[in-house]
Amino acid sequence: MLILAIDTTSEVGGAAIFRDHEFLARVANDGPANRYSVSLFSMVDQAIEEAKARHGVPLRGLADMELIAVANGPGSFTGIRVGLAAAQGWAKAFGLPVRGVSILEALVDAARIRTDWATSILDAHRGEFYVGLFHRQPKEDTDYQPCYLPADEGRLLKPEELGPFLASRLPEAVGATCVVREYDRAALTLRENLSSSFQWQAVTGTLVEAVARLAFRDYRTGKQQAAGDLDAHYIRRPDAELYWKA
């Protein structure tokens, strides 16, 4: 199955093409997240050309894709909207299945950890952090790694709230890993606030491979989405919505 994966939730995003789990091409973003409305389409075109040139894949264009995997947040509100709108448009235009993937889940998947529990942490700015809690499933993914499923829908926490939250949700004496992005210095500083029993792992580079892998896993298990069902996983409500409600 040919998969187009896109991540526009942060400046460390991009577009990539996979054949099942086989990596074919990737084009990393080289600008701010609010520039995806200008750069995303050219990145996808470059990825298609790279897959054709390096692997001889007979791709004519987006119509030859068989699944679109799109990161749906949390992250840059502008970037998320651009990615979802593009994925919806392509899915409708070419009749393709699509799957939205949480960046919090992709972060845990990319880390390839082995503890029973994992918590992904992203800087949400304004002194707050996006936090997702995941539990390792008894049945392992036969491809190569354990499968972690969300234990909640993700939340927005202040630094002083993180320790009590994890203590209230995690059983005592279980293995747990905090997963952050390598460039996320604010999230890395939270290590000082938590028990030394937590392991820590920093993920480098983009998360498009994890986005593609999780979307493909869901597709194989029948968890498909229609283009109109794609929704943003903001966690924090956009300022425009808050001000409009006020």
C-alpha atoms as a PDB file:
ATOM      1  CA  MET A   1       0.000   0.000   0.000  1.00  0.00           C
ATOM      2  CA  LEU A   2       1.365   3.420  -0.970  1.00  0.00           C
ATOM      3  CA  ILE A   3       0.990   5.898   1.884  1.00  0.00           C
ATOM      4  CA  LEU A   4       1.404   9.662   1.828  1.00  0.00           C
ATOM      5  CA  ALA A   5       2.190  10.940   5.336  1.00  0.00           C
ATOM      6  CA  ILE A   6       2.202  14.623   6.241  1.00  0.00           C
ATOM      7  CA  ASP A   7       2.942  16.444   9.483  1.00  0.00           C
ATOM      8  CA  THR A   8       2.288  20.175   9.579  1.00  0.00           C
ATOM      9  CA  THR A   9       1.850  20.496  13.352  1.00  0.00           C
ATOM     10  CA  SER A  10       5.283  22.042  13.982  1.00  0.00           C
ATOM     11  CA  GLU A  11       8.280  23.403  12.143  1.00  0.00           C
ATOM     12  CA  VAL A  12       9.907  19.952  12.459  1.00  0.00           C
ATOM     13  CA  GLY A  13       7.467  18.372  10.007  1.00  0.00           C
ATOM     14  CA  GLY A  14       7.292  17.431   6.382  1.00  0.00           C
ATOM     15  CA  ALA A  15       5.907  14.986   3.829  1.00  0.00           C
ATOM     16  CA  ALA A  16       6.904  11.400   3.122  1.00  0.00           C
ATOM     17  CA  ILE A  17       5.900   8.391   1.066  1.00  0.00           C
ATOM     18  CA  PHE A  18       5.924   4.784   2.261  1.00  0.00           C
ATOM     19  CA  ARG A  19       5.073   1.406   0.764  1.00  0.00           C
ATOM     20  CA  ASP A  20       3.518  -0.342   3.753  1.00  0.00           C
ATOM     21  CA  HIS A  21       6.374   0.048   6.279  1.00  0.00           C
ATOM     22  CA  GLU A  22       9.068   0.636   3.631  1.00  0.00           C
ATOM     23  CA  PHE A  23      10.386   4.194   3.496  1.00  0.00           C
ATOM     24  CA  LEU A  24      10.514   5.583  -0.049  1.00  0.00           C
ATOM     25  CA  ALA A  25      10.965   9.347   0.195  1.00  0.00           C
ATOM     26  CA  ARG A  26      10.859  12.224   2.642  1.00  0.00           C
ATOM     27  CA  VAL A  27      11.045  15.999   2.337  1.00  0.00           C
ATOM     28  CA  ALA A  28      11.571  17.819   5.626  1.00  0.00           C
ATOM     29  CA  ASN A  29      10.152  21.251   6.278  1.00  0.00           C
ATOM     30  CA  ASP A  30      12.725  24.044   6.428  1.00  0.00           C
ATOM     31  CA  GLY A  31      10.625  26.970   7.618  1.00  0.00           C
ATOM     32  CA  PRO A  32       8.168  28.012  10.336  1.00  0.00           C
ATOM     33  CA  ALA A  33       4.926  26.085  10.844  1.00  0.00           C
ATOM     34  CA  ASN A  34       2.807  28.958   9.558  1.00  0.00           C
ATOM     35  CA  ARG A  35       4.388  28.579   6.101  1.00  0.00           C
ATOM     36  CA  TYR A  36       2.870  25.191   5.258  1.00  0.00           C
ATOM     37  CA  SER A  37       0.093  26.831   3.265  1.00  0.00           C
ATOM     38  CA  VAL A  38       2.831  27.855   0.834  1.00  0.00           C
ATOM     39  CA  SER A  39       5.254  24.926   1.100  1.00  0.00           C
ATOM     40  CA  LEU A  40       3.193  21.759   1.679  1.00  0.00           C
ATOM     41  CA  PHE A  41       2.153  21.141  -1.906  1.00  0.00           C
ATOM     42  CA  SER A  42       5.700  21.522  -3.218  1.00  0.00           C
ATOM     43  CA  MET A  43       7.007  19.175  -0.494  1.00  0.00           C
ATOM     44  CA  VAL A  44       4.508  16.506  -1.543  1.00  0.00           C
ATOM     45  CA  ASP A  45       5.467  16.933  -5.202  1.00  0.00           C
ATOM     46  CA  GLN A  46       9.163  16.617  -4.288  1.00  0.00           C
ATOM     47  CA  ALA A  47       8.498  13.464  -2.266  1.00  0.00           C
ATOM     48  CA  ILE A  48       6.662  11.887  -5.202  1.00  0.00           C
ATOM     49  CA  GLU A  49       9.501  12.727  -7.578  1.00  0.00           C
ATOM     50  CA  GLU A  50      12.063  11.358  -5.117  1.00  0.00           C
ATOM     51  CA  ALA A  51      10.156   8.072  -4.762  1.00  0.00           C
ATOM     52  CA  LYS A  52      10.066   7.731  -8.533  1.00  0.00           C
ATOM     53  CA  ALA A  53      13.735   8.576  -9.022  1.00  0.00           C
ATOM     54  CA  ARG A  54      15.237   6.559  -6.134  1.00  0.00           C
ATOM     55  CA  HIS A  55      12.982   3.501  -6.131  1.00  0.00           C
ATOM     56  CA  GLY A  56      11.431   3.415  -9.583  1.00  0.00           C
ATOM     57  CA  VAL A  57       7.933   3.611  -8.151  1.00  0.00           C
ATOM     58  CA  PRO A  58       5.545   4.240 -11.083  1.00  0.00           C
ATOM     59  CA  LEU A  59       3.825   7.223  -9.502  1.00  0.00           C
ATOM     60  CA  ARG A  60       1.931   9.656 -11.682  1.00  0.00           C
ATOM     61  CA  GLY A  61       0.840  11.790  -8.745  1.00  0.00           C
ATOM     62  CA  LEU A  62      -1.430  11.904  -5.728  1.00  0.00           C
ATOM     63  CA  ALA A  63      -4.086   9.828  -7.470  1.00  0.00           C
ATOM     64  CA  ASP A  64      -1.802   6.787  -7.143  1.00  0.00           C
ATOM     65  CA  MET A  65      -1.665   7.001  -3.360  1.00  0.00           C
ATOM     66  CA  GLU A  66      -3.712   4.414  -1.460  1.00  0.00           C
ATOM     67  CA  LEU A  67      -3.840   6.026   1.989  1.00  0.00           C
ATOM     68  CA  ILE A  68      -3.287   9.536   3.323  1.00  0.00           C
ATOM     69  CA  ALA A  69      -1.931   9.773   6.880  1.00  0.00           C
ATOM     70  CA  VAL A  70      -2.083  13.222   8.448  1.00  0.00           C
ATOM     71  CA  ALA A  71      -0.947  14.477  11.856  1.00  0.00           C
ATOM     72  CA  ASN A  72      -3.962  16.171  13.447  1.00  0.00           C
ATOM     73  CA  GLY A  73      -2.336  17.818  16.467  1.00  0.00           C
ATOM     74  CA  PRO A  74      -1.722  19.104  18.970  1.00  0.00           C
ATOM     75  CA  GLY A  75       0.615  21.824  17.797  1.00  0.00           C
ATOM     76  CA  SER A  76       0.479  24.896  15.584  1.00  0.00           C
ATOM     77  CA  PHE A  77      -3.166  25.803  15.005  1.00  0.00           C
ATOM     78  CA  THR A  78      -2.386  27.210  11.553  1.00  0.00           C
ATOM     79  CA  GLY A  79      -0.258  24.217  10.597  1.00  0.00           C
ATOM     80  CA  ILE A  80      -2.889  21.719  11.760  1.00  0.00           C
ATOM     81  CA  ARG A  81      -5.615  23.420   9.748  1.00  0.00           C
ATOM     82  CA  VAL A  82      -3.459  23.461   6.603  1.00  0.00           C
ATOM     83  CA  GLY A  83      -2.591  19.763   6.900  1.00  0.00           C
ATOM     84  CA  LEU A  84      -6.156  18.640   7.556  1.00  0.00           C
ATOM     85  CA  ALA A  85      -7.588  20.796   4.766  1.00  0.00           C
ATOM     86  CA  ALA A  86      -5.046  19.414   2.289  1.00  0.00           C
ATOM     87  CA  ALA A  87      -5.682  15.810   3.355  1.00  0.00           C
ATOM     88  CA  GLN A  88      -9.437  16.278   3.110  1.00  0.00           C
ATOM     89  CA  GLY A  89      -9.168  17.872  -0.311  1.00  0.00           C
ATOM     90  CA  TRP A  90      -6.936  15.120  -1.713  1.00  0.00           C
ATOM     91  CA  ALA A  91      -9.047  12.354  -0.182  1.00  0.00           C
ATOM     92  CA  LYS A  92     -12.234  13.760  -1.714  1.00  0.00           C
ATOM     93  CA  ALA A  93     -10.676  14.558  -5.084  1.00  0.00           C
ATOM     94  CA  PHE A  94      -9.089  11.133  -5.580  1.00  0.00           C
ATOM     95  CA  GLY A  95     -11.420   8.945  -3.525  1.00  0.00           C
ATOM     96  CA  LEU A  96      -8.690   7.966  -1.058  1.00  0.00           C
ATOM     97  CA  PRO A  97      -8.980   6.681   2.513  1.00  0.00           C
ATOM     98  CA  VAL A  98      -7.494   8.979   5.132  1.00  0.00           C
ATOM     99  CA  ARG A  99      -6.466   8.674   8.762  1.00  0.00           C
ATOM    100  CA  GLY A 100      -5.711  11.383  11.320  1.00  0.00           C
ATOM    101  CA  VAL A 101      -2.963  10.597  13.832  1.00  0.00           C
ATOM    102  CA  SER A 102      -2.237  12.316  17.136  1.00  0.00           C
ATOM    103  CA  ILE A 103       1.270  13.701  17.457  1.00  0.00           C
ATOM    104  CA  LEU A 104       1.264  12.571  21.099  1.00  0.00           C
ATOM    105  CA  GLU A 105       0.733   8.979  19.954  1.00  0.00           C
ATOM    106  CA  ALA A 106       3.222   9.325  17.100  1.00  0.00           C
ATOM    107  CA  LEU A 107       5.846  10.552  19.557  1.00  0.00           C
ATOM    108  CA  VAL A 108       5.495   7.419  21.693  1.00  0.00           C
ATOM    109  CA  ASP A 109       5.537   5.182  18.629  1.00  0.00           C
ATOM    110  CA  ALA A 110       8.699   6.827  17.298  1.00  0.00           C
ATOM    111  CA  ALA A 111      10.511   6.301  20.607  1.00  0.00           C
ATOM    112  CA  ARG A 112      10.218   2.501  20.390  1.00  0.00           C
ATOM    113  CA  ILE A 113      10.238   2.079  24.145  1.00  0.00           C
ATOM    114  CA  ARG A 114       9.550  -1.076  26.170  1.00  0.00           C
ATOM    115  CA  THR A 115       8.103   0.107  29.476  1.00  0.00           C
ATOM    116  CA  ASP A 116       4.484  -0.661  30.386  1.00  0.00           C
ATOM    117  CA  TRP A 117       3.486   2.993  30.368  1.00  0.00           C
ATOM    118  CA  ALA A 118       4.537   6.034  28.377  1.00  0.00           C
ATOM    119  CA  THR A 119       3.706   9.707  28.619  1.00  0.00           C
ATOM    120  CA  SER A 120       4.404  12.047  25.724  1.00  0.00           C
ATOM    121  CA  ILE A 121       5.080  15.688  26.547  1.00  0.00           C
ATOM    122  CA  LEU A 122       5.096  18.682  24.202  1.00  0.00           C
ATOM    123  CA  ASP A 123       5.640  22.346  24.957  1.00  0.00           C
ATOM    124  CA  ALA A 124       2.294  24.125  24.477  1.00  0.00           C
ATOM    125  CA  HIS A 125       3.856  27.520  25.348  1.00  0.00           C
ATOM    126  CA  ARG A 126       2.271  29.966  27.805  1.00  0.00           C
ATOM    127  CA  GLY A 127       3.784  27.898  30.621  1.00  0.00           C
ATOM    128  CA  GLU A 128       1.729  24.802  29.743  1.00  0.00           C
ATOM    129  CA  PHE A 129       2.369  21.384  28.202  1.00  0.00           C
ATOM    130  CA  TYR A 130       0.425  18.911  26.104  1.00  0.00           C
ATOM    131  CA  VAL A 131       0.504  15.535  27.832  1.00  0.00           C
ATOM    132  CA  GLY A 132      -0.661  12.138  26.586  1.00  0.00           C
ATOM    133  CA  LEU A 133      -0.699   8.912  28.606  1.00  0.00           C
ATOM    134  CA  PHE A 134      -0.348   5.536  26.875  1.00  0.00           C
ATOM    135  CA  HIS A 135      -0.461   1.910  28.040  1.00  0.00           C
ATOM    136  CA  ARG A 136       1.404  -0.952  26.416  1.00  0.00           C
ATOM    137  CA  GLN A 137      -0.890  -3.643  25.080  1.00  0.00           C
ATOM    138  CA  PRO A 138      -0.356  -7.333  25.910  1.00  0.00           C
ATOM    139  CA  LYS A 139      -0.353  -8.328  22.251  1.00  0.00           C
ATOM    140  CA  GLU A 140       2.675  -6.922  20.489  1.00  0.00           C
ATOM    141  CA  ASP A 141       2.687  -5.570  16.973  1.00  0.00           C
ATOM    142  CA  THR A 142       4.133  -8.457  15.013  1.00  0.00           C
ATOM    143  CA  ASP A 143       6.055  -6.099  12.748  1.00  0.00           C
ATOM    144  CA  TYR A 144       8.659  -5.126  15.323  1.00  0.00           C
ATOM    145  CA  GLN A 145       7.437  -3.277  18.388  1.00  0.00           C
ATOM    146  CA  PRO A 146       4.843  -3.094  21.156  1.00  0.00           C
ATOM    147  CA  CYS A 147       1.585  -1.296  20.563  1.00  0.00           C
ATOM    148  CA  TYR A 148       0.673   1.568  22.906  1.00  0.00           C
ATOM    149  CA  LEU A 149      -2.917   2.785  23.089  1.00  0.00           C
ATOM    150  CA  PRO A 150      -4.126   6.040  24.676  1.00  0.00           C
ATOM    151  CA  ALA A 151      -5.182   5.884  28.321  1.00  0.00           C
ATOM    152  CA  ASP A 152      -6.848   9.289  27.950  1.00  0.00           C
ATOM    153  CA  GLU A 153      -7.522  11.885  25.264  1.00  0.00           C
ATOM    154  CA  GLY A 154      -4.577  14.096  26.127  1.00  0.00           C
ATOM    155  CA  ARG A 155      -4.635  17.195  28.280  1.00  0.00           C
ATOM    156  CA  LEU A 156      -3.082  20.570  28.949  1.00  0.00           C
ATOM    157  CA  LEU A 157      -1.072  20.779  32.187  1.00  0.00           C
ATOM    158  CA  LYS A 158       1.113  23.256  34.020  1.00  0.00           C
ATOM    159  CA  PRO A 159       4.537  22.008  35.183  1.00  0.00           C
ATOM    160  CA  GLU A 160       3.412  21.657  38.795  1.00  0.00           C
ATOM    161  CA  GLU A 161       0.401  19.586  37.712  1.00  0.00           C
ATOM    162  CA  LEU A 162       2.356  16.947  35.797  1.00  0.00           C
ATOM    163  CA  GLY A 163       3.738  15.014  38.779  1.00  0.00           C
ATOM    164  CA  PRO A 164       0.393  14.736  40.636  1.00  0.00           C
ATOM    165  CA  PHE A 165      -1.385  13.781  37.400  1.00  0.00           C
ATOM    166  CA  LEU A 166       1.002  10.912  36.670  1.00  0.00           C
ATOM    167  CA  ALA A 167       0.984   9.768  40.291  1.00  0.00           C
ATOM    168  CA  SER A 168      -2.821   9.590  40.220  1.00  0.00           C
ATOM    169  CA  ARG A 169      -2.968   7.634  36.956  1.00  0.00           C
ATOM    170  CA  LEU A 170      -0.034   5.247  37.100  1.00  0.00           C
ATOM    171  CA  PRO A 171      -0.003   2.131  39.290  1.00  0.00           C
ATOM    172  CA  GLU A 172       2.819   2.057  41.814  1.00  0.00           C
ATOM    173  CA  ALA A 173       6.116   0.456  40.859  1.00  0.00           C
ATOM    174  CA  VAL A 174       5.372   0.246  37.117  1.00  0.00           C
ATOM    175  CA  GLY A 175       7.845   1.057  34.390  1.00  0.00           C
ATOM    176  CA  ALA A 176       7.117   4.382  32.704  1.00  0.00           C
ATOM    177  CA  THR A 177       8.929   6.486  30.115  1.00  0.00           C
ATOM    178  CA  CYS A 178       8.524  10.196  29.434  1.00  0.00           C
ATOM    179  CA  VAL A 179       8.953  10.880  25.717  1.00  0.00           C
ATOM    180  CA  VAL A 180       9.816  14.340  24.385  1.00  0.00           C
ATOM    181  CA  ARG A 181      11.205  15.800  21.178  1.00  0.00           C
ATOM    182  CA  GLU A 182      14.936  16.440  21.155  1.00  0.00           C
ATOM    183  CA  TYR A 183      14.580  20.141  20.367  1.00  0.00           C
ATOM    184  CA  ASP A 184      11.868  20.706  23.019  1.00  0.00           C
ATOM    185  CA  ARG A 185      13.984  22.214  25.781  1.00  0.00           C
ATOM    186  CA  ALA A 186      10.999  23.304  27.842  1.00  0.00           C
ATOM    187  CA  ALA A 187       9.698  19.731  28.010  1.00  0.00           C
ATOM    188  CA  LEU A 188      13.149  18.407  28.859  1.00  0.00           C
ATOM    189  CA  THR A 189      13.365  20.683  31.908  1.00  0.00           C
ATOM    190  CA  LEU A 190      10.338  18.921  33.419  1.00  0.00           C
ATOM    191  CA  ARG A 191      12.597  16.028  34.312  1.00  0.00           C
ATOM    192  CA  GLU A 192      13.577  17.968  37.411  1.00  0.00           C
ATOM    193  CA  ASN A 193       9.937  17.977  38.574  1.00  0.00           C
ATOM    194  CA  LEU A 194       9.346  14.238  38.374  1.00  0.00           C
ATOM    195  CA  SER A 195      10.440  11.167  40.274  1.00  0.00           C
ATOM    196  CA  SER A 196      13.754   9.620  39.288  1.00  0.00           C
ATOM    197  CA  SER A 197      11.865   6.369  38.663  1.00  0.00           C
ATOM    198  CA  PHE A 198      10.756   7.699  35.256  1.00  0.00           C
ATOM    199  CA  GLN A 199      12.879   6.901  32.243  1.00  0.00           C
ATOM    200  CA  TRP A 200      13.301   9.661  29.645  1.00  0.00           C
ATOM    201  CA  GLN A 201      13.735   9.460  25.909  1.00  0.00           C
ATOM    202  CA  ALA A 202      14.153  12.229  23.350  1.00  0.00           C
ATOM    203  CA  VAL A 203      13.026  11.640  19.759  1.00  0.00           C
ATOM    204  CA  THR A 204      14.982  13.244  16.927  1.00  0.00           C
ATOM    205  CA  GLY A 205      13.819  14.408  13.525  1.00  0.00           C
ATOM    206  CA  THR A 206      10.349  14.366  12.031  1.00  0.00           C
ATOM    207  CA  LEU A 207       7.462  12.125  13.070  1.00  0.00           C
ATOM    208  CA  VAL A 208       6.113  11.395   9.585  1.00  0.00           C
ATOM    209  CA  GLU A 209       7.298   7.768   9.715  1.00  0.00           C
ATOM    210  CA  ALA A 210       5.371   7.162  12.944  1.00  0.00           C
ATOM    211  CA  VAL A 211       2.330   8.951  11.511  1.00  0.00           C
ATOM    212  CA  ALA A 212       2.405   6.636   8.475  1.00  0.00           C
ATOM    213  CA  ARG A 213       2.959   3.533  10.598  1.00  0.00           C
ATOM    214  CA  LEU A 214       0.056   4.260  12.950  1.00  0.00           C
ATOM    215  CA  ALA A 215      -2.294   5.146  10.101  1.00  0.00           C
ATOM    216  CA  PHE A 216      -1.378   1.913   8.305  1.00  0.00           C
ATOM    217  CA  ARG A 217      -1.945  -0.096  11.500  1.00  0.00           C
ATOM    218  CA  ASP A 218      -5.377   1.455  11.930  1.00  0.00           C
ATOM    219  CA  TYR A 219      -6.244   0.892   8.277  1.00  0.00           C
ATOM    220  CA  ARG A 220      -5.385  -2.809   8.528  1.00  0.00           C
ATOM    221  CA  THR A 221      -7.627  -3.160  11.580  1.00  0.00           C
ATOM    222  CA  GLY A 222     -10.570  -1.451   9.889  1.00  0.00           C
ATOM    223  CA  LYS A 223     -10.235   1.958  11.540  1.00  0.00           C
ATOM    224  CA  GLN A 224     -10.754   4.146   8.516  1.00  0.00           C
ATOM    225  CA  GLN A 225     -12.046   7.681   8.273  1.00  0.00           C
ATOM    226  CA  ALA A 226     -13.999   9.514   5.650  1.00  0.00           C
ATOM    227  CA  ALA A 227     -12.501  12.843   4.646  1.00  0.00           C
ATOM    228  CA  GLY A 228     -15.341  14.705   6.334  1.00  0.00           C
ATOM    229  CA  ASP A 229     -14.664  12.926   9.636  1.00  0.00           C
ATOM    230  CA  LEU A 230     -11.134  14.290   9.999  1.00  0.00           C
ATOM    231  CA  ASP A 231     -10.922  16.552  13.020  1.00  0.00           C
ATOM    232  CA  ALA A 232      -8.221  18.575  14.740  1.00  0.00           C
ATOM    233  CA  HIS A 233      -6.785  17.335  18.028  1.00  0.00           C
ATOM    234  CA  TYR A 234      -6.051  20.794  19.410  1.00  0.00           C
ATOM    235  CA  ILE A 235      -6.449  20.011  23.168  1.00  0.00           C
ATOM    236  CA  ARG A 236      -6.166  23.762  23.813  1.00  0.00           C
ATOM    237  CA  ARG A 237      -8.983  25.602  22.102  1.00  0.00           C
ATOM    238  CA  PRO A 238      -7.862  28.199  19.530  1.00  0.00           C
ATOM    239  CA  ASP A 239      -7.878  31.828  20.658  1.00  0.00           C
ATOM    240  CA  ALA A 240     -10.288  32.719  17.853  1.00  0.00           C
ATOM    241  CA  GLU A 241     -12.825  30.257  19.211  1.00  0.00           C
ATOM    242  CA  LEU A 242     -12.368  31.429  22.782  1.00  0.00           C
ATOM    243  CA  TYR A 243     -12.790  35.086  21.860  1.00  0.00           C
ATOM    244  CA  TRP A 244     -15.779  34.322  19.649  1.00  0.00           C
ATOM    245  CA  LYS A 245     -17.473  32.390  22.484  1.00  0.00           C
ATOM    246  CA  ALA A 246     -16.773  35.293  24.832  1.00  0.00           C
END
